[in-house]
Amino acid sequence: NIPSIPAPPPMAPSKRILCVGLCNLDIIQVCDAFPEEDSDQRSLQSRWQRGGNASNNCTVLALLGADVELLATFAASDHFRFAAERDLERRGIATGNCVRHE
């Protein structure tokens, strides 16, 4: 049995942390086993998940209680807005200065 790790204490109030970099959508496929090269295999489950180094760093910092902002470029598609931007908003990560492009 793995012992539980206590949650870290909240960060002291400070200035906002700006993370600059990528925010993208990862498409995660779950399979029974790792596929052999040049083979076909049915996916058991599929999901879209927000990714990118700066985006992921913002999530960790926000979970630690920091005031965070992401500066990245966003695709103007409905899929991106639904999967990525809404997740950032839900986690309290500021995105007001991000550039949206077609």
N, C-alpha and C. Protein backbone atom coordinates (compact mmCIF):
# COMPACT_ATOMS: atom_id res chain seq x y z
N ASN A 1 0.84 -1.18 0.00
CA ASN A 1 0.00 0.00 0.00
C ASN A 1 0.89 1.24 0.00
N ILE A 2 0.59 2.18 -0.87
CA ILE A 2 1.38 3.40 -1.00
C ILE A 2 0.88 4.42 0.02
N PRO A 3 1.78 4.97 0.84
CA PRO A 3 1.34 5.98 1.81
C PRO A 3 0.90 7.26 1.10
N SER A 4 -0.10 7.92 1.65
CA SER A 4 -0.56 9.17 1.04
C SER A 4 0.43 10.29 1.36
N ILE A 5 0.55 11.19 0.40
CA ILE A 5 1.44 12.33 0.55
C ILE A 5 0.58 13.53 0.91
N PRO A 6 0.88 14.23 1.99
CA PRO A 6 0.05 15.38 2.36
C PRO A 6 0.17 16.49 1.32
N ALA A 7 -0.92 17.21 1.15
CA ALA A 7 -0.92 18.33 0.21
C ALA A 7 0.03 19.42 0.70
N PRO A 8 0.73 20.08 -0.24
CA PRO A 8 1.63 21.15 0.18
C PRO A 8 0.84 22.34 0.69
N PRO A 9 1.42 23.15 1.57
CA PRO A 9 0.71 24.34 2.04
C PRO A 9 0.54 25.32 0.89
N PRO A 10 -0.50 26.14 0.93
CA PRO A 10 -0.69 27.12 -0.14
C PRO A 10 0.48 28.09 -0.21
N MET A 11 0.75 28.55 -1.42
CA MET A 11 1.84 29.51 -1.61
C MET A 11 1.44 30.85 -0.99
N ALA A 12 2.41 31.57 -0.50
CA ALA A 12 2.15 32.90 0.05
C ALA A 12 1.70 33.82 -1.08
N PRO A 13 0.78 34.76 -0.78
CA PRO A 13 0.35 35.69 -1.82
C PRO A 13 1.56 36.42 -2.41
N SER A 14 1.58 36.47 -3.71
CA SER A 14 2.70 37.13 -4.38
C SER A 14 2.22 37.66 -5.72
N LYS A 15 3.15 38.11 -6.51
CA LYS A 15 2.82 38.61 -7.83
C LYS A 15 2.43 37.45 -8.74
N ARG A 16 1.73 37.77 -9.81
CA ARG A 16 1.30 36.76 -10.77
C ARG A 16 2.51 36.17 -11.49
N ILE A 17 2.47 34.86 -11.72
CA ILE A 17 3.52 34.16 -12.47
C ILE A 17 3.04 34.02 -13.91
N LEU A 18 3.87 34.42 -14.86
CA LEU A 18 3.55 34.33 -16.28
C LEU A 18 4.32 33.16 -16.89
N CYS A 19 3.59 32.22 -17.48
CA CYS A 19 4.21 31.10 -18.21
C CYS A 19 4.00 31.34 -19.70
N VAL A 20 5.07 31.35 -20.46
CA VAL A 20 5.02 31.61 -21.90
C VAL A 20 5.41 30.34 -22.64
N GLY A 21 4.60 29.94 -23.60
CA GLY A 21 4.94 28.75 -24.37
C GLY A 21 3.73 28.12 -25.02
N LEU A 22 3.75 26.79 -25.07
CA LEU A 22 2.74 26.04 -25.82
C LEU A 22 1.51 25.69 -24.99
N CYS A 23 0.38 25.70 -25.68
CA CYS A 23 -0.85 25.13 -25.17
C CYS A 23 -1.46 24.39 -26.36
N ASN A 24 -1.58 23.09 -26.26
CA ASN A 24 -2.10 22.32 -27.38
C ASN A 24 -3.06 21.26 -26.88
N LEU A 25 -3.66 20.54 -27.82
CA LEU A 25 -4.55 19.44 -27.48
C LEU A 25 -3.84 18.14 -27.76
N ASP A 26 -3.80 17.28 -26.77
CA ASP A 26 -3.26 15.93 -26.94
C ASP A 26 -4.44 14.99 -27.13
N ILE A 27 -4.33 14.09 -28.10
CA ILE A 27 -5.35 13.07 -28.30
C ILE A 27 -4.81 11.78 -27.71
N ILE A 28 -5.44 11.31 -26.65
CA ILE A 28 -4.99 10.14 -25.91
C ILE A 28 -5.81 8.93 -26.36
N GLN A 29 -5.13 7.88 -26.80
CA GLN A 29 -5.77 6.63 -27.20
C GLN A 29 -5.37 5.55 -26.20
N VAL A 30 -6.33 4.83 -25.66
CA VAL A 30 -6.05 3.74 -24.73
C VAL A 30 -6.26 2.42 -25.47
N CYS A 31 -5.23 1.54 -25.42
CA CYS A 31 -5.28 0.25 -26.10
C CYS A 31 -4.99 -0.86 -25.09
N ASP A 32 -5.29 -2.10 -25.48
CA ASP A 32 -4.98 -3.26 -24.63
C ASP A 32 -3.49 -3.40 -24.38
N ALA A 33 -2.69 -3.16 -25.42
CA ALA A 33 -1.24 -3.32 -25.33
C ALA A 33 -0.59 -2.34 -26.29
N PHE A 34 0.71 -2.11 -26.09
CA PHE A 34 1.44 -1.22 -26.99
C PHE A 34 1.43 -1.83 -28.39
N PRO A 35 1.04 -1.08 -29.42
CA PRO A 35 0.92 -1.66 -30.77
C PRO A 35 2.28 -2.05 -31.37
N GLU A 36 2.27 -3.14 -32.10
CA GLU A 36 3.45 -3.54 -32.87
C GLU A 36 3.60 -2.57 -34.03
N GLU A 37 4.82 -2.39 -34.50
CA GLU A 37 5.08 -1.49 -35.63
C GLU A 37 4.30 -1.96 -36.85
N ASP A 38 3.70 -1.01 -37.57
CA ASP A 38 2.92 -1.24 -38.79
C ASP A 38 1.73 -2.17 -38.57
N SER A 39 1.17 -2.17 -37.39
CA SER A 39 0.00 -3.02 -37.12
C SER A 39 -1.21 -2.15 -36.82
N ASP A 40 -2.37 -2.75 -36.91
CA ASP A 40 -3.62 -2.08 -36.56
C ASP A 40 -4.10 -2.62 -35.22
N GLN A 41 -4.67 -1.74 -34.43
CA GLN A 41 -5.22 -2.17 -33.15
C GLN A 41 -6.38 -1.26 -32.80
N ARG A 42 -7.42 -1.84 -32.29
CA ARG A 42 -8.60 -1.06 -31.91
C ARG A 42 -8.32 -0.29 -30.62
N SER A 43 -8.73 0.94 -30.63
CA SER A 43 -8.60 1.78 -29.43
C SER A 43 -9.80 1.51 -28.52
N LEU A 44 -9.54 1.33 -27.24
CA LEU A 44 -10.60 1.07 -26.28
C LEU A 44 -11.26 2.36 -25.80
N GLN A 45 -10.48 3.43 -25.81
CA GLN A 45 -10.97 4.71 -25.30
C GLN A 45 -10.16 5.82 -25.95
N SER A 46 -10.80 6.96 -26.15
CA SER A 46 -10.12 8.11 -26.73
C SER A 46 -10.57 9.35 -25.99
N ARG A 47 -9.64 10.28 -25.75
CA ARG A 47 -10.02 11.54 -25.11
C ARG A 47 -9.08 12.65 -25.56
N TRP A 48 -9.58 13.86 -25.50
CA TRP A 48 -8.77 15.04 -25.79
C TRP A 48 -8.36 15.62 -24.45
N GLN A 49 -7.11 16.03 -24.37
CA GLN A 49 -6.60 16.57 -23.10
C GLN A 49 -5.66 17.73 -23.40
N ARG A 50 -5.79 18.77 -22.60
CA ARG A 50 -4.91 19.93 -22.77
C ARG A 50 -3.48 19.54 -22.43
N GLY A 51 -2.53 20.04 -23.22
CA GLY A 51 -1.12 19.75 -22.98
C GLY A 51 -0.25 20.94 -23.35
N GLY A 52 1.04 20.71 -23.43
CA GLY A 52 2.01 21.76 -23.70
C GLY A 52 2.74 22.14 -22.42
N ASN A 53 4.03 22.37 -22.52
CA ASN A 53 4.84 22.62 -21.32
C ASN A 53 4.34 23.81 -20.49
N ALA A 54 4.13 24.95 -21.13
CA ALA A 54 3.70 26.13 -20.37
C ALA A 54 2.31 25.92 -19.77
N SER A 55 1.44 25.31 -20.53
CA SER A 55 0.09 25.03 -20.06
C SER A 55 0.11 24.09 -18.85
N ASN A 56 0.90 23.04 -18.93
CA ASN A 56 1.01 22.09 -17.81
C ASN A 56 1.65 22.74 -16.58
N ASN A 57 2.66 23.57 -16.80
CA ASN A 57 3.29 24.28 -15.67
C ASN A 57 2.29 25.19 -14.97
N CYS A 58 1.45 25.87 -15.75
CA CYS A 58 0.41 26.72 -15.16
C CYS A 58 -0.52 25.91 -14.27
N THR A 59 -0.88 24.72 -14.72
CA THR A 59 -1.77 23.87 -13.93
C THR A 59 -1.15 23.52 -12.59
N VAL A 60 0.10 23.09 -12.61
CA VAL A 60 0.78 22.71 -11.36
C VAL A 60 0.88 23.91 -10.43
N LEU A 61 1.28 25.06 -10.96
CA LEU A 61 1.40 26.26 -10.13
C LEU A 61 0.06 26.67 -9.54
N ALA A 62 -1.01 26.59 -10.35
CA ALA A 62 -2.34 26.94 -9.86
C ALA A 62 -2.78 25.97 -8.76
N LEU A 63 -2.47 24.68 -8.92
CA LEU A 63 -2.81 23.70 -7.89
C LEU A 63 -2.06 23.97 -6.59
N LEU A 64 -0.89 24.58 -6.69
CA LEU A 64 -0.11 24.94 -5.51
C LEU A 64 -0.56 26.27 -4.90
N GLY A 65 -1.54 26.92 -5.53
CA GLY A 65 -2.10 28.14 -4.98
C GLY A 65 -1.56 29.42 -5.56
N ALA A 66 -0.75 29.34 -6.62
CA ALA A 66 -0.17 30.54 -7.23
C ALA A 66 -1.19 31.23 -8.14
N ASP A 67 -1.03 32.52 -8.31
CA ASP A 67 -1.78 33.31 -9.28
C ASP A 67 -1.00 33.21 -10.59
N VAL A 68 -1.59 32.57 -11.60
CA VAL A 68 -0.85 32.25 -12.83
C VAL A 68 -1.55 32.78 -14.06
N GLU A 69 -0.74 33.12 -15.06
CA GLU A 69 -1.26 33.50 -16.37
C GLU A 69 -0.48 32.75 -17.43
N LEU A 70 -1.20 32.31 -18.46
CA LEU A 70 -0.58 31.64 -19.60
C LEU A 70 -0.55 32.61 -20.77
N LEU A 71 0.59 32.71 -21.42
CA LEU A 71 0.72 33.49 -22.65
C LEU A 71 1.10 32.52 -23.75
N ALA A 72 0.14 32.24 -24.64
CA ALA A 72 0.33 31.28 -25.72
C ALA A 72 -0.56 31.68 -26.89
N THR A 73 -0.41 30.98 -28.00
CA THR A 73 -1.33 31.17 -29.12
C THR A 73 -2.39 30.08 -29.05
N PHE A 74 -3.63 30.44 -29.32
CA PHE A 74 -4.76 29.51 -29.29
C PHE A 74 -5.34 29.38 -30.68
N ALA A 75 -5.71 28.17 -31.05
CA ALA A 75 -6.47 27.97 -32.29
C ALA A 75 -7.87 28.51 -32.05
N ALA A 76 -8.45 29.10 -33.07
CA ALA A 76 -9.77 29.70 -32.92
C ALA A 76 -10.90 28.69 -33.10
N SER A 77 -10.61 27.40 -33.11
CA SER A 77 -11.63 26.38 -33.34
C SER A 77 -12.48 26.15 -32.09
N ASP A 78 -13.71 25.69 -32.32
CA ASP A 78 -14.60 25.37 -31.21
C ASP A 78 -14.04 24.22 -30.38
N HIS A 79 -13.38 23.25 -31.03
CA HIS A 79 -12.80 22.11 -30.31
C HIS A 79 -11.75 22.59 -29.31
N PHE A 80 -10.88 23.48 -29.75
CA PHE A 80 -9.82 23.98 -28.86
C PHE A 80 -10.43 24.77 -27.71
N ARG A 81 -11.40 25.63 -28.06
CA ARG A 81 -12.03 26.46 -27.03
C ARG A 81 -12.71 25.57 -25.99
N PHE A 82 -13.41 24.52 -26.44
CA PHE A 82 -14.12 23.65 -25.50
C PHE A 82 -13.15 22.84 -24.64
N ALA A 83 -12.12 22.27 -25.26
CA ALA A 83 -11.24 21.35 -24.53
C ALA A 83 -10.14 22.06 -23.74
N ALA A 84 -9.55 23.09 -24.28
CA ALA A 84 -8.39 23.72 -23.64
C ALA A 84 -8.76 24.98 -22.86
N GLU A 85 -9.36 25.93 -23.53
CA GLU A 85 -9.64 27.21 -22.87
C GLU A 85 -10.58 27.04 -21.67
N ARG A 86 -11.59 26.21 -21.80
CA ARG A 86 -12.52 26.02 -20.68
C ARG A 86 -11.83 25.35 -19.50
N ASP A 87 -10.90 24.44 -19.79
CA ASP A 87 -10.17 23.79 -18.70
C ASP A 87 -9.28 24.79 -17.97
N LEU A 88 -8.63 25.68 -18.72
CA LEU A 88 -7.79 26.71 -18.09
C LEU A 88 -8.64 27.63 -17.21
N GLU A 89 -9.80 28.05 -17.74
CA GLU A 89 -10.70 28.91 -16.96
C GLU A 89 -11.15 28.20 -15.69
N ARG A 90 -11.51 26.92 -15.80
CA ARG A 90 -11.99 26.15 -14.65
C ARG A 90 -10.94 26.09 -13.55
N ARG A 91 -9.67 26.11 -13.93
CA ARG A 91 -8.58 26.02 -12.97
C ARG A 91 -8.10 27.40 -12.49
N GLY A 92 -8.76 28.48 -12.97
CA GLY A 92 -8.41 29.82 -12.52
C GLY A 92 -7.14 30.37 -13.15
N ILE A 93 -6.77 29.87 -14.32
CA ILE A 93 -5.56 30.32 -15.01
C ILE A 93 -5.95 31.42 -15.99
N ALA A 94 -5.35 32.59 -15.84
CA ALA A 94 -5.67 33.74 -16.70
C ALA A 94 -5.15 33.49 -18.12
N THR A 95 -5.97 33.85 -19.13
CA THR A 95 -5.58 33.67 -20.53
C THR A 95 -5.92 34.89 -21.38
N GLY A 96 -6.23 36.01 -20.73
CA GLY A 96 -6.70 37.19 -21.44
C GLY A 96 -5.76 37.76 -22.47
N ASN A 97 -4.47 37.52 -22.36
CA ASN A 97 -3.51 38.07 -23.31
C ASN A 97 -3.09 37.08 -24.38
N CYS A 98 -3.71 35.90 -24.40
CA CYS A 98 -3.37 34.90 -25.43
C CYS A 98 -3.89 35.35 -26.79
N VAL A 99 -3.15 35.01 -27.82
CA VAL A 99 -3.52 35.36 -29.19
C VAL A 99 -4.30 34.20 -29.80
N ARG A 100 -5.47 34.50 -30.37
CA ARG A 100 -6.26 33.49 -31.07
C ARG A 100 -6.06 33.65 -32.56
N HIS A 101 -5.81 32.54 -33.24
CA HIS A 101 -5.58 32.62 -34.69
C HIS A 101 -6.41 31.57 -35.41
N GLU A 102 -6.69 31.86 -36.66
CA GLU A 102 -7.49 30.94 -37.50
C GLU A 102 -6.66 29.78 -37.97
